[in-house]
């Protein structure tokens, strides 16, 4: 159990930390890409896409697909598929209870690589928007989103991707990596030498 009482602010990634949505979104981007390219290419793209979780979809799709029409078509299909499936996704274990309790004594910030309107709609529909001071997302990067935010140290960042870790390091936040729902292949070896990183499986292991 990690005691979080010392932290003034807590930053949470969304997909794979608050919601069990990583696999669903992977299926959606794979299906969207398969509308425009071969199944084989769609699979390769999806593996690359999910390996960069935390980076806005627009950046990733346009980087992989040089043809603008293809990229825009995939983005439109992906957004539509998320709108049809995302809003009933399950919370990760212990998430709702932790957020409710933590919001009483900490300033909470949600920081997603997902499209910001999509994320805010999800939070509103699932009844957790009021727990957060800020709900931030794409198409801005995580670093761009945090730039104007007044941060108060000590602060804690809970994420499930390499991008989350890098962002936490840039802002001087303590980092907790949440492993149960991650799509970060090889995270064990990546964090093996990082003594300052604490590993949890779910948010049930945090005590606000």
C-alpha atoms as a PDB file:
ATOM      1  CA  UNK A   1       0.000   0.000   0.000  1.00  0.00           C
ATOM      2  CA  UNK A   2       1.320   3.452  -0.959  1.00  0.00           C
ATOM      3  CA  UNK A   3       0.471   6.329   1.361  1.00  0.00           C
ATOM      4  CA  UNK A   4      -0.464   9.394  -0.730  1.00  0.00           C
ATOM      5  CA  UNK A   5      -1.295  11.755   2.129  1.00  0.00           C
ATOM      6  CA  UNK A   6       1.827  13.872   1.529  1.00  0.00           C
ATOM      7  CA  UNK A   7       0.802  14.886  -1.989  1.00  0.00           C
ATOM      8  CA  UNK A   8      -0.992  18.139  -2.705  1.00  0.00           C
ATOM      9  CA  UNK A   9      -1.892  17.113  -6.244  1.00  0.00           C
ATOM     10  CA  UNK A  10      -2.430  13.776  -7.952  1.00  0.00           C
ATOM     11  CA  UNK A  11      -2.308  13.369 -11.733  1.00  0.00           C
ATOM     12  CA  UNK A  12      -3.999  10.358 -13.293  1.00  0.00           C
ATOM     13  CA  UNK A  13      -3.726   8.963 -16.776  1.00  0.00           C
ATOM     14  CA  UNK A  14      -7.133   7.779 -17.984  1.00  0.00           C
ATOM     15  CA  UNK A  15      -6.986   4.716 -20.249  1.00  0.00           C
ATOM     16  CA  UNK A  16      -5.614   1.781 -18.286  1.00  0.00           C
ATOM     17  CA  UNK A  17      -5.571   3.724 -15.018  1.00  0.00           C
ATOM     18  CA  UNK A  18      -9.075   5.066 -14.354  1.00  0.00           C
ATOM     19  CA  UNK A  19     -10.877   3.033 -17.018  1.00  0.00           C
ATOM     20  CA  UNK A  20     -10.218  -0.439 -18.405  1.00  0.00           C
ATOM     21  CA  UNK A  21     -10.320   0.956 -21.934  1.00  0.00           C
ATOM     22  CA  UNK A  22      -6.962   0.092 -23.504  1.00  0.00           C
ATOM     23  CA  UNK A  23      -8.078  -3.156 -25.139  1.00  0.00           C
ATOM     24  CA  UNK A  24     -11.334  -1.627 -26.373  1.00  0.00           C
ATOM     25  CA  UNK A  25      -9.534   1.288 -27.990  1.00  0.00           C
ATOM     26  CA  UNK A  26      -7.006  -1.068 -29.573  1.00  0.00           C
ATOM     27  CA  UNK A  27      -9.866  -3.018 -31.158  1.00  0.00           C
ATOM     28  CA  UNK A  28     -11.423   0.214 -32.379  1.00  0.00           C
ATOM     29  CA  UNK A  29      -8.261   1.583 -34.012  1.00  0.00           C
ATOM     30  CA  UNK A  30      -7.529  -1.808 -35.579  1.00  0.00           C
ATOM     31  CA  UNK A  31     -11.017  -1.973 -37.093  1.00  0.00           C
ATOM     32  CA  UNK A  32     -10.820   1.639 -38.251  1.00  0.00           C
ATOM     33  CA  UNK A  33      -7.485   1.067 -39.981  1.00  0.00           C
ATOM     34  CA  UNK A  34      -8.732  -2.157 -41.599  1.00  0.00           C
ATOM     35  CA  UNK A  35     -11.353  -0.120 -43.461  1.00  0.00           C
ATOM     36  CA  UNK A  36      -8.562   1.555 -45.435  1.00  0.00           C
ATOM     37  CA  UNK A  37      -5.575  -0.819 -45.496  1.00  0.00           C
ATOM     38  CA  UNK A  38      -4.924  -4.556 -45.436  1.00  0.00           C
ATOM     39  CA  UNK A  39      -5.543  -6.542 -42.269  1.00  0.00           C
ATOM     40  CA  UNK A  40      -1.819  -7.195 -42.001  1.00  0.00           C
ATOM     41  CA  UNK A  41      -0.921  -3.526 -42.160  1.00  0.00           C
ATOM     42  CA  UNK A  42      -3.754  -2.666 -39.768  1.00  0.00           C
ATOM     43  CA  UNK A  43      -2.336  -5.142 -37.256  1.00  0.00           C
ATOM     44  CA  UNK A  44       1.200  -3.755 -37.554  1.00  0.00           C
ATOM     45  CA  UNK A  45      -0.112  -0.217 -37.212  1.00  0.00           C
ATOM     46  CA  UNK A  46      -2.171  -1.110 -34.135  1.00  0.00           C
ATOM     47  CA  UNK A  47       0.834  -2.675 -32.412  1.00  0.00           C
ATOM     48  CA  UNK A  48       2.842   0.489 -33.054  1.00  0.00           C
ATOM     49  CA  UNK A  49      -0.084   2.752 -32.118  1.00  0.00           C
ATOM     50  CA  UNK A  50      -0.693   1.090 -28.746  1.00  0.00           C
ATOM     51  CA  UNK A  51       3.026   1.044 -28.020  1.00  0.00           C
ATOM     52  CA  UNK A  52       2.846   4.832 -28.006  1.00  0.00           C
ATOM     53  CA  UNK A  53      -0.135   5.157 -25.681  1.00  0.00           C
ATOM     54  CA  UNK A  54      -0.242   8.644 -24.226  1.00  0.00           C
ATOM     55  CA  UNK A  55       0.496  10.406 -27.524  1.00  0.00           C
ATOM     56  CA  UNK A  56      -2.567  11.970 -29.205  1.00  0.00           C
ATOM     57  CA  UNK A  57      -4.143   9.885 -31.967  1.00  0.00           C
ATOM     58  CA  UNK A  58      -3.785  12.632 -34.570  1.00  0.00           C
ATOM     59  CA  UNK A  59      -0.006  12.668 -34.236  1.00  0.00           C
ATOM     60  CA  UNK A  60       0.301   8.895 -34.479  1.00  0.00           C
ATOM     61  CA  UNK A  61      -2.107   8.344 -37.371  1.00  0.00           C
ATOM     62  CA  UNK A  62      -0.639  11.104 -39.524  1.00  0.00           C
ATOM     63  CA  UNK A  63       2.891   9.894 -38.799  1.00  0.00           C
ATOM     64  CA  UNK A  64       2.136   6.337 -39.959  1.00  0.00           C
ATOM     65  CA  UNK A  65      -0.089   7.124 -42.937  1.00  0.00           C
ATOM     66  CA  UNK A  66       1.409   9.577 -45.391  1.00  0.00           C
ATOM     67  CA  UNK A  67      -1.817   9.837 -47.394  1.00  0.00           C
ATOM     68  CA  UNK A  68      -3.882  12.553 -45.720  1.00  0.00           C
ATOM     69  CA  UNK A  69      -7.212  11.176 -46.920  1.00  0.00           C
ATOM     70  CA  UNK A  70      -6.436   7.754 -45.455  1.00  0.00           C
ATOM     71  CA  UNK A  71      -5.305   9.261 -42.168  1.00  0.00           C
ATOM     72  CA  UNK A  72      -8.390  11.439 -41.845  1.00  0.00           C
ATOM     73  CA  UNK A  73     -10.666   8.533 -42.735  1.00  0.00           C
ATOM     74  CA  UNK A  74      -9.115   6.349 -40.055  1.00  0.00           C
ATOM     75  CA  UNK A  75      -9.391   9.112 -37.470  1.00  0.00           C
ATOM     76  CA  UNK A  76     -13.068   9.671 -38.290  1.00  0.00           C
ATOM     77  CA  UNK A  77     -13.817   5.948 -38.095  1.00  0.00           C
ATOM     78  CA  UNK A  78     -11.909   5.581 -34.833  1.00  0.00           C
ATOM     79  CA  UNK A  79     -13.753   8.494 -33.248  1.00  0.00           C
ATOM     80  CA  UNK A  80     -17.096   7.073 -34.346  1.00  0.00           C
ATOM     81  CA  UNK A  81     -16.265   3.645 -32.959  1.00  0.00           C
ATOM     82  CA  UNK A  82     -15.207   5.152 -29.635  1.00  0.00           C
ATOM     83  CA  UNK A  83     -18.451   7.118 -29.429  1.00  0.00           C
ATOM     84  CA  UNK A  84     -20.384   3.891 -29.949  1.00  0.00           C
ATOM     85  CA  UNK A  85     -18.491   1.767 -27.415  1.00  0.00           C
ATOM     86  CA  UNK A  86     -16.410   3.794 -24.957  1.00  0.00           C
ATOM     87  CA  UNK A  87     -18.955   5.282 -22.601  1.00  0.00           C
ATOM     88  CA  UNK A  88     -19.964   1.988 -20.988  1.00  0.00           C
ATOM     89  CA  UNK A  89     -16.397   0.826 -20.350  1.00  0.00           C
ATOM     90  CA  UNK A  90     -15.615  -0.494 -16.877  1.00  0.00           C
ATOM     91  CA  UNK A  91     -13.634   1.324 -14.223  1.00  0.00           C
ATOM     92  CA  UNK A  92     -10.358  -0.290 -13.252  1.00  0.00           C
ATOM     93  CA  UNK A  93     -10.389  -2.071  -9.896  1.00  0.00           C
ATOM     94  CA  UNK A  94     -10.838   0.404  -7.049  1.00  0.00           C
ATOM     95  CA  UNK A  95     -10.789   3.482  -9.276  1.00  0.00           C
ATOM     96  CA  UNK A  96     -14.106   5.089  -8.454  1.00  0.00           C
ATOM     97  CA  UNK A  97     -13.727   4.645  -4.710  1.00  0.00           C
ATOM     98  CA  UNK A  98     -10.163   6.002  -4.734  1.00  0.00           C
ATOM     99  CA  UNK A  99     -11.100   9.075  -6.775  1.00  0.00           C
ATOM    100  CA  UNK A 100     -14.040   9.887  -4.545  1.00  0.00           C
ATOM    101  CA  UNK A 101     -11.919   9.643  -1.408  1.00  0.00           C
ATOM    102  CA  UNK A 102      -8.826  11.340  -2.849  1.00  0.00           C
ATOM    103  CA  UNK A 103     -10.798  14.318  -4.157  1.00  0.00           C
ATOM    104  CA  UNK A 104     -11.701  15.261  -0.592  1.00  0.00           C
ATOM    105  CA  UNK A 105      -8.086  16.011   0.384  1.00  0.00           C
ATOM    106  CA  UNK A 106      -6.120  16.296  -2.889  1.00  0.00           C
ATOM    107  CA  UNK A 107      -6.358  18.333  -6.074  1.00  0.00           C
ATOM    108  CA  UNK A 108      -6.906  15.837  -8.890  1.00  0.00           C
ATOM    109  CA  UNK A 109      -5.929  16.252 -12.542  1.00  0.00           C
ATOM    110  CA  UNK A 110      -6.864  13.813 -15.318  1.00  0.00           C
ATOM    111  CA  UNK A 111      -4.297  13.795 -18.113  1.00  0.00           C
ATOM    112  CA  UNK A 112      -5.161  11.710 -21.162  1.00  0.00           C
ATOM    113  CA  UNK A 113      -3.730  11.147 -24.611  1.00  0.00           C
ATOM    114  CA  UNK A 114      -7.323  10.632 -25.769  1.00  0.00           C
ATOM    115  CA  UNK A 115      -9.382  13.357 -27.405  1.00  0.00           C
ATOM    116  CA  UNK A 116     -10.361  15.857 -24.724  1.00  0.00           C
ATOM    117  CA  UNK A 117     -14.047  16.086 -25.632  1.00  0.00           C
ATOM    118  CA  UNK A 118     -14.304  12.321 -25.599  1.00  0.00           C
ATOM    119  CA  UNK A 119     -12.651  12.124 -22.189  1.00  0.00           C
ATOM    120  CA  UNK A 120     -14.813  14.853 -20.649  1.00  0.00           C
ATOM    121  CA  UNK A 121     -17.983  13.236 -21.985  1.00  0.00           C
ATOM    122  CA  UNK A 122     -16.881   9.919 -20.490  1.00  0.00           C
ATOM    123  CA  UNK A 123     -16.256  11.540 -17.109  1.00  0.00           C
ATOM    124  CA  UNK A 124     -19.614  13.343 -17.156  1.00  0.00           C
ATOM    125  CA  UNK A 125     -21.552  10.221 -18.102  1.00  0.00           C
ATOM    126  CA  UNK A 126     -19.833   8.115 -15.449  1.00  0.00           C
ATOM    127  CA  UNK A 127     -20.285  10.719 -12.718  1.00  0.00           C
ATOM    128  CA  UNK A 128     -16.657  11.523 -11.877  1.00  0.00           C
ATOM    129  CA  UNK A 129     -16.138  14.929 -13.512  1.00  0.00           C
ATOM    130  CA  UNK A 130     -16.657  16.771 -10.219  1.00  0.00           C
ATOM    131  CA  UNK A 131     -13.694  14.990  -8.627  1.00  0.00           C
ATOM    132  CA  UNK A 132     -11.207  16.745 -10.914  1.00  0.00           C
ATOM    133  CA  UNK A 133      -9.841  20.249 -11.061  1.00  0.00           C
ATOM    134  CA  UNK A 134      -8.738  19.663 -14.664  1.00  0.00           C
ATOM    135  CA  UNK A 135      -9.618  17.081 -17.318  1.00  0.00           C
ATOM    136  CA  UNK A 136      -7.053  17.386 -20.121  1.00  0.00           C
ATOM    137  CA  UNK A 137      -6.544  15.524 -23.388  1.00  0.00           C
ATOM    138  CA  UNK A 138      -5.660  15.561 -27.084  1.00  0.00           C
ATOM    139  CA  UNK A 139      -5.021  16.836 -29.622  1.00  0.00           C
ATOM    140  CA  UNK A 140      -2.504  18.599 -27.362  1.00  0.00           C
ATOM    141  CA  UNK A 141       0.300  16.459 -25.971  1.00  0.00           C
ATOM    142  CA  UNK A 142       0.460  15.802 -22.258  1.00  0.00           C
ATOM    143  CA  UNK A 143       3.367  18.203 -21.907  1.00  0.00           C
ATOM    144  CA  UNK A 144       1.474  20.940 -23.772  1.00  0.00           C
ATOM    145  CA  UNK A 145      -1.578  20.409 -21.595  1.00  0.00           C
ATOM    146  CA  UNK A 146       0.389  20.713 -18.360  1.00  0.00           C
ATOM    147  CA  UNK A 147       2.410  23.770 -19.411  1.00  0.00           C
ATOM    148  CA  UNK A 148      -0.188  26.368 -18.265  1.00  0.00           C
ATOM    149  CA  UNK A 149      -1.338  24.384 -15.224  1.00  0.00           C
ATOM    150  CA  UNK A 150      -0.186  25.571 -11.820  1.00  0.00           C
ATOM    151  CA  UNK A 151       1.422  22.528 -10.258  1.00  0.00           C
ATOM    152  CA  UNK A 152       1.967  22.133  -6.540  1.00  0.00           C
ATOM    153  CA  UNK A 153       4.755  19.917  -5.254  1.00  0.00           C
ATOM    154  CA  UNK A 154       4.972  17.335  -3.956  1.00  0.00           C
ATOM    155  CA  UNK A 155       2.750  15.753  -6.571  1.00  0.00           C
ATOM    156  CA  UNK A 156       2.077  12.216  -7.676  1.00  0.00           C
ATOM    157  CA  UNK A 157       1.588  10.978 -11.240  1.00  0.00           C
ATOM    158  CA  UNK A 158      -0.100   7.606 -11.820  1.00  0.00           C
ATOM    159  CA  UNK A 159       0.291   6.226 -15.341  1.00  0.00           C
ATOM    160  CA  UNK A 160       0.644   3.060 -17.377  1.00  0.00           C
ATOM    161  CA  UNK A 161       2.903   4.090 -20.269  1.00  0.00           C
ATOM    162  CA  UNK A 162       6.416   5.220 -21.061  1.00  0.00           C
ATOM    163  CA  UNK A 163       4.982   8.599 -22.081  1.00  0.00           C
ATOM    164  CA  UNK A 164       3.462   8.975 -18.608  1.00  0.00           C
ATOM    165  CA  UNK A 165       6.798   8.254 -16.978  1.00  0.00           C
ATOM    166  CA  UNK A 166       8.632  10.740 -19.181  1.00  0.00           C
ATOM    167  CA  UNK A 167       6.015  13.400 -18.519  1.00  0.00           C
ATOM    168  CA  UNK A 168       6.222  12.828 -14.764  1.00  0.00           C
ATOM    169  CA  UNK A 169      10.007  13.177 -14.885  1.00  0.00           C
ATOM    170  CA  UNK A 170       9.756  16.468 -16.782  1.00  0.00           C
ATOM    171  CA  UNK A 171       7.484  18.052 -14.179  1.00  0.00           C
ATOM    172  CA  UNK A 172       9.302  16.624 -11.155  1.00  0.00           C
ATOM    173  CA  UNK A 173       6.453  14.373 -10.027  1.00  0.00           C
ATOM    174  CA  UNK A 174       6.802  11.120  -8.163  1.00  0.00           C
ATOM    175  CA  UNK A 175       5.707   8.330 -10.491  1.00  0.00           C
ATOM    176  CA  UNK A 176       3.634   5.232  -9.858  1.00  0.00           C
ATOM    177  CA  UNK A 177       3.325   2.742 -12.707  1.00  0.00           C
ATOM    178  CA  UNK A 178       0.047   0.795 -12.823  1.00  0.00           C
ATOM    179  CA  UNK A 179       0.583  -2.561 -14.477  1.00  0.00           C
ATOM    180  CA  UNK A 180      -2.675  -4.520 -14.511  1.00  0.00           C
ATOM    181  CA  UNK A 181      -4.165  -2.986 -17.664  1.00  0.00           C
ATOM    182  CA  UNK A 182      -1.092  -1.632 -19.427  1.00  0.00           C
ATOM    183  CA  UNK A 183      -0.181  -2.194 -23.073  1.00  0.00           C
ATOM    184  CA  UNK A 184       3.429  -1.182 -22.435  1.00  0.00           C
ATOM    185  CA  UNK A 185       5.258  -4.289 -23.576  1.00  0.00           C
ATOM    186  CA  UNK A 186       8.539  -4.756 -21.750  1.00  0.00           C
ATOM    187  CA  UNK A 187       7.754  -2.427 -18.872  1.00  0.00           C
ATOM    188  CA  UNK A 188       9.441  -4.780 -16.407  1.00  0.00           C
ATOM    189  CA  UNK A 189      12.850  -4.423 -18.044  1.00  0.00           C
ATOM    190  CA  UNK A 190      12.315  -0.725 -18.787  1.00  0.00           C
ATOM    191  CA  UNK A 191      11.764   0.125 -15.119  1.00  0.00           C
ATOM    192  CA  UNK A 192      14.242  -2.420 -13.716  1.00  0.00           C
ATOM    193  CA  UNK A 193      16.904   0.230 -13.098  1.00  0.00           C
ATOM    194  CA  UNK A 194      14.541   3.044 -12.124  1.00  0.00           C
ATOM    195  CA  UNK A 195      14.671   2.928  -8.342  1.00  0.00           C
ATOM    196  CA  UNK A 196      12.339   5.907  -7.944  1.00  0.00           C
ATOM    197  CA  UNK A 197       9.437   4.237  -9.744  1.00  0.00           C
ATOM    198  CA  UNK A 198       6.880   2.400  -7.652  1.00  0.00           C
ATOM    199  CA  UNK A 199       4.806  -0.353  -9.222  1.00  0.00           C
ATOM    200  CA  UNK A 200       1.199  -1.184  -8.431  1.00  0.00           C
ATOM    201  CA  UNK A 201      -1.288  -3.494 -10.090  1.00  0.00           C
ATOM    202  CA  UNK A 202      -4.428  -1.435  -9.421  1.00  0.00           C
ATOM    203  CA  UNK A 203      -5.521   1.752  -7.681  1.00  0.00           C
ATOM    204  CA  UNK A 204      -6.601  -0.369  -4.715  1.00  0.00           C
ATOM    205  CA  UNK A 205      -2.952  -0.180  -3.635  1.00  0.00           C
ATOM    206  CA  UNK A 206      -3.045   3.595  -3.092  1.00  0.00           C
ATOM    207  CA  UNK A 207      -4.157   5.080   0.217  1.00  0.00           C
ATOM    208  CA  UNK A 208      -5.201   8.733  -0.210  1.00  0.00           C
END
